[in-house]
Amino acid sequence: MKNIYGNVNTYKTKEERMTLLSLYRRRLLLLLKEGYNPYLNNTELYQTKTNPKPEEKAPIKLVEAPSGKIPPVVTPENDSPLTDTQNEENTTDKLSLREGFDFSLNLKAKTVSERTLQDYQYASNAVVKWIDENNPEIKTIDQFSKKIALGFLNAVLLNSSARSRNNYRLSLSSLLQTLEDNEIIVSNPMKKIANLKSIPKRNKTYSTEDQEKIFAYLKVEDPILLLYIQFISYNFLRPIEACRLKIKDFNLTNNTIQFKAKNSPLKTKLIPQILLNELPDLSKLNPEAFLFTPDKIGGDWNATESNRRDHFSKRFKKSVKDHFNLDKNQNLYSFRHTFITKLYRSLVESSSAYAAKSELMGITGHTTMDALEKYLRDIDAELPKDYSHHF
């Protein structure tokens, strides 16, 4: 059968299109379950469904759920509303809050990264705990309404920030959308709640003087941390990407590395000579060993990606940030901003801005020119020429 697109292409955002496609999917499944056949003339069946005999009722649709439980019953339009007594009787057949979120998490585990799954788990644990303490009458996942969701998000906002509140909203919305897609809940209440305007965190670049002082200090005090920072600075890796590197990822014949990047499941990058000069001999190391560990280059490290990154972030704070009394917005990620700024300003001296950006895009790994230009604006890498003479 041909794909069914309907008028989905009239919508601009992915979220809007997926919402409409999910609706098409649910309606198509309902029609198939009711006996409609795409290869036959369904006129007679349609007339039977639209003009049922008085004693007949439209079928009730059930969805399977974990642990042998049945999610809430979706009743047909011609059924009368359930009474309070019937609702109480059906409560035992509905998924609890914890069961509902766990059902979604089990599905998400097959489609999202480990870090994203951790964020989802953290958000679901937080909302279940908050409801237990503040709205104990809410027992089942279908009772999680927009009002309850707003109450939780407002509590997060009052105790942290708009950014944290928006992150919780995003995580919970993704989990609840999976439940809606699987017809365990009627609708996702988070979709009706808007994001709040928040002030983004800005990582401040280092001056040339400060960067050289840090490198000279670490060359003596912590060579492992220095090499870690050099991969961020010279190869423009993100801190978590540097933590993923294993010895087998290096091809020193072609001077390249391969790793999982933010925007690619397998990214290949050239290792510049300035960084090759800093690399120790890797030929005798175990190919499965991590390049960076707490106490040596090339070894085992039984820790998650997030914990490995957090280790170096805390190590940098203790060894460097506190020692040099750096700005609170200067961190490991700031080295990437600093050296991309240096490189761009050097390239633009001998070429046009567009040519410089085109070459820079291949080095930094940005997938589109728009993404690179936005990044350069955010870090103030692109500054105008002196305009004093215009006055």
Protein backbone atom coordinates (compact mmCIF):
# COMPACT_ATOMS: atom_id res chain seq x y z
CA MET A 1 0.00 0.00 0.00
CA LYS A 2 1.12 3.58 -0.62
CA ASN A 3 2.13 5.67 2.37
CA ILE A 4 -0.60 7.83 3.88
CA TYR A 5 0.55 11.42 4.32
CA GLY A 6 -2.78 13.27 4.36
CA ASN A 7 -2.07 16.98 4.79
CA VAL A 8 0.88 16.46 7.15
CA ASN A 9 3.20 18.43 4.84
CA THR A 10 1.22 21.59 5.52
CA TYR A 11 2.70 21.61 9.04
CA LYS A 12 6.19 23.01 9.53
CA THR A 13 7.65 21.45 12.69
CA LYS A 14 8.54 17.83 13.34
CA GLU A 15 6.44 17.80 16.53
CA GLU A 16 3.31 18.94 14.65
CA ARG A 17 3.85 16.41 11.88
CA MET A 18 4.47 13.52 14.28
CA THR A 19 1.34 14.42 16.24
CA LEU A 20 -0.78 14.26 13.09
CA LEU A 21 0.89 11.08 11.82
CA SER A 22 0.28 9.43 15.22
CA LEU A 23 -3.41 10.32 14.88
CA TYR A 24 -3.51 8.82 11.40
CA ARG A 25 -1.85 5.68 12.75
CA ARG A 26 -4.33 5.23 15.58
CA ARG A 27 -7.31 5.72 13.28
CA LEU A 28 -5.90 3.32 10.69
CA LEU A 29 -5.34 0.63 13.33
CA LEU A 30 -8.89 1.14 14.60
CA LEU A 31 -10.32 0.70 11.09
CA LEU A 32 -8.28 -2.47 10.51
CA LYS A 33 -9.40 -3.93 13.86
CA GLU A 34 -13.01 -3.22 12.94
CA GLY A 35 -12.62 -5.30 9.78
CA TYR A 36 -12.00 -2.77 7.05
CA ASN A 37 -9.86 -4.22 4.24
CA PRO A 38 -7.80 -1.91 1.98
CA TYR A 39 -8.10 -4.41 -0.88
CA LEU A 40 -11.92 -4.71 -0.85
CA ASN A 41 -15.01 -2.54 -1.22
CA ASN A 42 -16.03 -1.73 2.38
CA THR A 43 -19.36 -0.04 1.64
CA GLU A 44 -21.47 -2.79 3.20
CA LEU A 45 -19.27 -2.93 6.31
CA TYR A 46 -19.39 0.87 6.60
CA GLN A 47 -23.18 0.88 6.49
CA THR A 48 -23.27 -1.83 9.17
CA LYS A 49 -21.00 0.21 11.40
CA THR A 50 -22.79 3.52 10.89
CA ASN A 51 -26.29 2.03 11.28
CA PRO A 52 -25.90 -0.77 13.85
CA LYS A 53 -28.83 -2.79 15.05
CA PRO A 54 -30.39 -1.45 18.30
CA GLU A 55 -29.12 -4.37 20.35
CA GLU A 56 -25.57 -4.07 19.01
CA LYS A 57 -22.86 -1.98 20.63
CA ALA A 58 -19.72 -0.66 19.06
CA PRO A 59 -16.71 -2.72 20.09
CA ILE A 60 -14.58 -1.75 23.05
CA LYS A 61 -10.91 -1.44 22.31
CA LEU A 62 -8.31 -2.73 24.80
CA VAL A 63 -4.55 -2.36 24.76
CA GLU A 64 -2.20 -4.88 26.24
CA ALA A 65 0.06 -3.67 29.03
CA PRO A 66 2.91 -5.03 31.13
CA SER A 67 2.39 -7.33 34.12
CA GLY A 68 -0.87 -8.65 32.70
CA LYS A 69 -2.71 -5.43 33.46
CA ILE A 70 -5.10 -3.75 31.05
CA PRO A 71 -4.84 0.02 30.52
CA PRO A 72 -7.90 2.27 30.76
CA VAL A 73 -10.84 1.23 28.60
CA VAL A 74 -11.49 3.52 25.63
CA THR A 75 -15.26 3.54 25.31
CA PRO A 76 -17.11 4.19 22.04
CA GLU A 77 -19.05 7.40 21.61
CA ASN A 78 -22.46 5.77 22.00
CA ASP A 79 -21.60 4.33 25.42
CA SER A 80 -22.78 6.16 28.51
CA PRO A 81 -20.15 7.57 30.90
CA LEU A 82 -18.89 5.27 33.65
CA THR A 83 -20.31 5.83 37.08
CA ASP A 84 -18.10 6.54 40.09
CA THR A 85 -18.59 2.96 41.27
CA GLN A 86 -17.54 1.60 37.90
CA ASN A 87 -14.52 3.89 37.89
CA GLU A 88 -13.45 2.52 41.28
CA GLU A 89 -13.89 -1.03 40.05
CA ASN A 90 -11.78 -0.31 36.94
CA THR A 91 -8.95 1.35 38.88
CA THR A 92 -7.37 -2.03 39.55
CA ASP A 93 -7.18 -2.62 35.79
CA LYS A 94 -5.33 0.64 35.11
CA LEU A 95 -1.59 1.24 35.22
CA SER A 96 -0.28 3.05 38.25
CA LEU A 97 1.88 6.14 37.79
CA ARG A 98 5.06 4.12 38.28
CA GLU A 99 3.92 1.32 35.99
CA GLY A 100 2.93 3.77 33.28
CA PHE A 101 6.28 5.56 33.28
CA ASP A 102 8.17 2.24 33.48
CA PHE A 103 6.23 0.99 30.45
CA SER A 104 7.37 4.05 28.49
CA LEU A 105 10.95 3.81 29.80
CA ASN A 106 11.23 0.19 28.65
CA LEU A 107 10.30 1.25 25.13
CA LYS A 108 12.53 4.32 25.19
CA ALA A 109 15.51 2.16 26.22
CA LYS A 110 15.50 0.72 22.69
CA THR A 111 15.51 4.07 20.89
CA VAL A 112 17.43 6.69 22.91
CA SER A 113 20.96 7.03 24.25
CA GLU A 114 21.99 5.99 27.75
CA ARG A 115 22.30 9.61 28.86
CA THR A 116 18.85 10.55 27.55
CA LEU A 117 17.34 7.49 29.24
CA GLN A 118 18.91 8.59 32.54
CA ASP A 119 17.30 12.02 32.14
CA TYR A 120 13.92 10.35 31.53
CA GLN A 121 14.32 8.10 34.58
CA TYR A 122 15.31 11.05 36.78
CA ALA A 123 12.31 13.09 35.64
CA SER A 124 9.83 10.22 36.12
CA ASN A 125 11.21 9.47 39.62
CA ALA A 126 10.90 13.13 40.57
CA VAL A 127 7.29 13.52 39.42
CA VAL A 128 6.16 10.25 41.05
CA LYS A 129 7.77 11.31 44.34
CA TRP A 130 6.20 14.79 44.15
CA ILE A 131 2.73 13.37 43.49
CA ASP A 132 3.05 10.88 46.38
CA GLU A 133 3.85 13.79 48.71
CA ASN A 134 1.47 16.45 47.36
CA ASN A 135 -1.37 14.65 45.55
CA PRO A 136 -1.60 11.15 47.05
CA GLU A 137 -5.11 10.71 45.62
CA ILE A 138 -3.55 10.42 42.13
CA LYS A 139 -2.99 6.69 41.69
CA THR A 140 -3.13 5.83 37.98
CA ILE A 141 -1.32 7.23 34.96
CA ASP A 142 -4.55 8.35 33.27
CA GLN A 143 -5.20 10.69 36.25
CA PHE A 144 -2.03 12.64 35.43
CA SER A 145 -3.73 15.77 34.08
CA LYS A 146 -2.51 19.14 32.85
CA LYS A 147 -3.33 20.67 36.25
CA ILE A 148 -1.19 18.11 38.09
CA ALA A 149 1.61 18.52 35.54
CA LEU A 150 1.57 22.31 35.99
CA GLY A 151 1.71 21.90 39.75
CA PHE A 152 4.85 19.78 39.47
CA LEU A 153 6.53 22.08 36.93
CA ASN A 154 5.77 25.14 39.06
CA ALA A 155 7.38 23.42 42.06
CA VAL A 156 10.49 22.75 39.96
CA LEU A 157 10.55 26.38 38.81
CA LEU A 158 10.31 27.74 42.36
CA ASN A 159 13.13 25.48 43.56
CA SER A 160 15.51 25.78 40.60
CA SER A 161 15.20 27.66 37.30
CA ALA A 162 13.13 28.05 34.14
CA ARG A 163 15.71 25.99 32.27
CA SER A 164 15.36 23.06 34.67
CA ARG A 165 11.59 23.35 34.51
CA ASN A 166 11.69 23.23 30.70
CA ASN A 167 14.01 20.21 30.75
CA TYR A 168 11.59 18.33 33.04
CA ARG A 169 8.72 19.26 30.74
CA LEU A 170 10.59 17.95 27.70
CA SER A 171 11.51 14.61 29.33
CA LEU A 172 8.03 13.97 30.71
CA SER A 173 6.39 15.00 27.44
CA SER A 174 8.45 12.41 25.57
CA LEU A 175 7.48 9.64 28.02
CA LEU A 176 3.80 10.59 27.99
CA GLN A 177 3.76 10.82 24.20
CA THR A 178 4.85 7.18 24.05
CA LEU A 179 1.92 6.29 26.31
CA GLU A 180 -0.46 8.24 24.08
CA ASP A 181 0.93 6.57 20.96
CA ASN A 182 0.31 3.18 22.59
CA GLU A 183 -3.22 4.25 23.59
CA ILE A 184 -2.57 3.88 27.30
CA ILE A 185 -3.60 7.49 27.91
CA VAL A 186 -6.00 9.55 25.83
CA SER A 187 -3.73 12.58 25.39
CA ASN A 188 -0.36 13.93 26.46
CA PRO A 189 -1.02 16.81 28.93
CA MET A 190 2.50 18.18 28.50
CA LYS A 191 1.79 19.19 24.90
CA LYS A 192 -0.65 21.80 26.19
CA ILE A 193 2.00 23.41 28.43
CA ALA A 194 4.32 26.01 26.90
CA ASN A 195 8.03 26.41 27.52
CA LEU A 196 9.11 29.34 29.66
CA LYS A 197 11.64 31.85 28.45
CA SER A 198 14.98 31.13 30.08
CA ILE A 199 18.40 32.77 30.00
CA PRO A 200 20.81 30.30 28.36
CA LYS A 201 24.07 29.47 30.08
CA ARG A 202 27.04 30.99 28.29
CA ASN A 203 30.48 29.39 28.48
CA LYS A 204 33.03 32.20 28.54
CA THR A 205 36.14 31.90 26.37
CA TYR A 206 39.68 32.17 27.76
CA SER A 207 42.12 34.94 26.98
CA THR A 208 45.36 33.85 25.30
CA GLU A 209 47.26 34.69 28.47
CA ASP A 210 45.00 32.59 30.73
CA GLN A 211 44.99 29.64 28.31
CA GLU A 212 48.79 29.57 28.13
CA LYS A 213 49.08 29.76 31.93
CA ILE A 214 46.66 26.82 32.34
CA PHE A 215 48.51 24.67 29.80
CA ALA A 216 51.90 25.41 31.39
CA TYR A 217 50.56 24.62 34.86
CA LEU A 218 48.94 21.32 33.83
CA LYS A 219 52.03 20.19 31.93
CA VAL A 220 53.69 19.86 35.33
CA GLU A 221 50.77 19.16 37.67
CA ASP A 222 48.37 16.97 35.64
CA PRO A 223 49.52 15.80 32.16
CA ILE A 224 46.47 13.49 31.74
CA LEU A 225 44.05 16.38 32.24
CA LEU A 226 46.17 18.51 29.91
CA LEU A 227 45.93 15.93 27.08
CA TYR A 228 42.18 15.67 27.70
CA ILE A 229 41.87 19.45 27.31
CA GLN A 230 44.07 19.40 24.20
CA PHE A 231 41.64 17.02 22.48
CA ILE A 232 38.86 19.49 23.26
CA SER A 233 40.99 22.43 22.11
CA TYR A 234 42.81 21.15 19.02
CA ASN A 235 40.39 18.48 17.77
CA PHE A 236 37.26 20.38 18.90
CA LEU A 237 35.76 17.37 20.68
CA ARG A 238 33.08 17.86 23.28
CA PRO A 239 34.13 16.68 26.77
CA ILE A 240 31.86 13.60 26.65
CA GLU A 241 33.19 12.73 23.18
CA ALA A 242 36.76 12.73 24.51
CA CYS A 243 35.62 10.36 27.27
CA ARG A 244 34.35 7.90 24.64
CA LEU A 245 37.70 7.52 22.90
CA LYS A 246 39.29 4.08 22.91
CA ILE A 247 42.69 3.04 21.58
CA LYS A 248 41.04 1.18 18.69
CA ASP A 249 39.42 4.45 17.54
CA PHE A 250 42.81 5.79 16.40
CA ASN A 251 44.15 5.23 12.92
CA LEU A 252 47.63 6.70 13.09
CA THR A 253 48.37 5.64 9.52
CA ASN A 254 45.84 8.15 8.27
CA ASN A 255 46.01 10.31 11.40
CA THR A 256 42.27 10.03 12.08
CA ILE A 257 39.95 9.12 14.94
CA GLN A 258 36.41 7.73 14.85
CA PHE A 259 33.92 8.30 17.66
CA LYS A 260 30.23 8.80 18.45
CA ALA A 261 29.47 12.51 18.15
CA LYS A 262 26.49 14.62 19.16
CA ASN A 263 25.21 14.80 15.58
CA SER A 264 26.52 11.49 14.18
CA PRO A 265 26.64 7.85 15.34
CA LEU A 266 30.14 7.54 13.84
CA LYS A 267 32.23 10.65 13.20
CA THR A 268 35.67 10.62 11.56
CA LYS A 269 38.05 13.50 12.26
CA LEU A 270 41.58 14.34 11.26
CA ILE A 271 44.05 14.58 14.14
CA PRO A 272 46.08 17.77 13.59
CA GLN A 273 49.87 17.55 13.87
CA ILE A 274 49.88 19.81 16.93
CA LEU A 275 47.90 17.13 18.77
CA LEU A 276 49.85 14.19 17.28
CA ASN A 277 52.96 15.70 18.83
CA GLU A 278 51.36 15.38 22.27
CA LEU A 279 50.17 11.78 21.90
CA PRO A 280 52.12 9.01 23.67
CA ASP A 281 52.92 5.72 21.92
CA LEU A 282 49.58 3.88 21.61
CA SER A 283 50.82 0.83 19.68
CA LYS A 284 51.35 -1.40 22.71
CA LEU A 285 48.09 -0.57 24.47
CA ASN A 286 44.96 -2.74 24.57
CA PRO A 287 42.69 -1.67 21.66
CA GLU A 288 39.63 -1.94 23.94
CA ALA A 289 41.15 0.34 26.59
CA PHE A 290 39.85 3.87 27.11
CA LEU A 291 42.30 6.59 26.12
CA PHE A 292 41.49 8.59 29.26
CA THR A 293 41.27 7.06 32.73
CA PRO A 294 41.77 8.72 36.14
CA ASP A 295 45.39 7.60 36.56
CA LYS A 296 46.85 6.68 33.16
CA ILE A 297 46.52 6.90 29.38
CA GLY A 298 44.99 3.69 28.03
CA GLY A 299 43.28 1.52 30.62
CA ASP A 300 40.05 0.02 31.91
CA TRP A 301 37.45 2.25 33.54
CA ASN A 302 34.20 0.73 34.74
CA ALA A 303 32.01 3.84 34.73
CA THR A 304 29.26 5.34 32.60
CA GLU A 305 29.97 8.07 30.03
CA SER A 306 28.35 10.68 32.24
CA ASN A 307 30.38 9.68 35.27
CA ARG A 308 33.61 9.72 33.27
CA ARG A 309 32.85 13.22 32.01
CA ASP A 310 31.84 14.40 35.50
CA HIS A 311 35.14 13.06 36.87
CA PHE A 312 37.16 15.31 34.57
CA SER A 313 34.84 18.28 35.18
CA LYS A 314 35.37 17.99 38.94
CA ARG A 315 39.08 17.37 38.43
CA PHE A 316 39.34 20.53 36.34
CA LYS A 317 37.50 22.57 38.96
CA LYS A 318 39.75 21.34 41.76
CA SER A 319 43.05 21.47 39.86
CA VAL A 320 42.58 24.53 37.67
CA LYS A 321 39.45 26.55 38.28
CA ASP A 322 39.99 27.00 42.02
CA HIS A 323 43.75 27.43 41.60
CA PHE A 324 43.42 30.28 39.07
CA ASN A 325 40.16 31.65 40.51
CA LEU A 326 38.47 31.46 37.11
CA ASP A 327 35.08 32.90 36.20
CA LYS A 328 32.14 30.61 37.04
CA ASN A 329 31.27 30.38 33.33
CA GLN A 330 34.76 29.23 32.33
CA ASN A 331 34.97 25.46 32.16
CA LEU A 332 36.19 22.59 29.99
CA TYR A 333 33.74 23.40 27.22
CA SER A 334 35.18 26.94 27.11
CA PHE A 335 38.38 25.59 25.56
CA ARG A 336 36.41 24.42 22.51
CA HIS A 337 34.88 27.89 22.13
CA THR A 338 38.28 29.54 22.61
CA PHE A 339 40.12 27.58 19.93
CA ILE A 340 37.27 27.68 17.40
CA THR A 341 37.30 31.47 17.81
CA LYS A 342 41.08 31.53 17.29
CA LEU A 343 40.87 29.35 14.19
CA TYR A 344 38.02 31.30 12.59
CA ARG A 345 39.70 34.67 13.09
CA SER A 346 42.92 33.29 11.63
CA LEU A 347 41.12 31.84 8.58
CA VAL A 348 39.13 34.99 7.87
CA GLU A 349 42.31 37.09 7.73
CA SER A 350 43.34 35.45 4.44
CA SER A 351 39.95 34.68 2.87
CA SER A 352 36.34 35.79 2.71
CA ALA A 353 34.03 35.12 5.63
CA TYR A 354 32.10 32.51 3.64
CA ALA A 355 35.26 30.67 2.55
CA ALA A 356 36.54 30.71 6.14
CA LYS A 357 33.25 29.29 7.42
CA SER A 358 33.21 26.60 4.72
CA GLU A 359 36.65 25.39 5.77
CA LEU A 360 35.82 25.71 9.45
CA MET A 361 32.64 23.64 9.05
CA GLY A 362 34.68 20.65 7.89
CA ILE A 363 36.99 20.99 10.90
CA THR A 364 34.48 21.54 13.70
CA GLY A 365 31.94 18.97 12.48
CA HIS A 366 28.91 21.26 12.20
CA THR A 367 26.50 19.71 9.70
CA THR A 368 25.04 22.93 8.22
CA MET A 369 26.27 26.46 7.58
CA ASP A 370 23.32 27.85 9.55
CA ALA A 371 24.31 25.81 12.61
CA LEU A 372 27.91 26.99 12.36
CA GLU A 373 26.94 30.65 11.91
CA LYS A 374 24.62 30.50 14.91
CA TYR A 375 27.41 28.91 16.96
CA LEU A 376 29.90 31.61 15.93
CA ARG A 377 27.40 34.32 16.87
CA ASP A 378 26.74 32.71 20.24
CA ILE A 379 30.44 32.66 21.15
CA ASP A 380 31.10 36.12 19.62
CA ALA A 381 33.76 34.71 17.31
CA GLU A 382 32.64 36.93 14.44
CA LEU A 383 33.18 40.59 15.28
CA PRO A 384 32.69 43.56 12.93
CA LYS A 385 35.52 45.77 11.72
CA ASP A 386 36.10 49.07 13.45
CA TYR A 387 33.30 51.41 12.44
CA SER A 388 34.59 54.64 14.03
CA HIS A 389 35.08 56.36 10.67
CA HIS A 390 31.34 56.19 10.01
CA PHE A 391 30.81 58.76 12.73
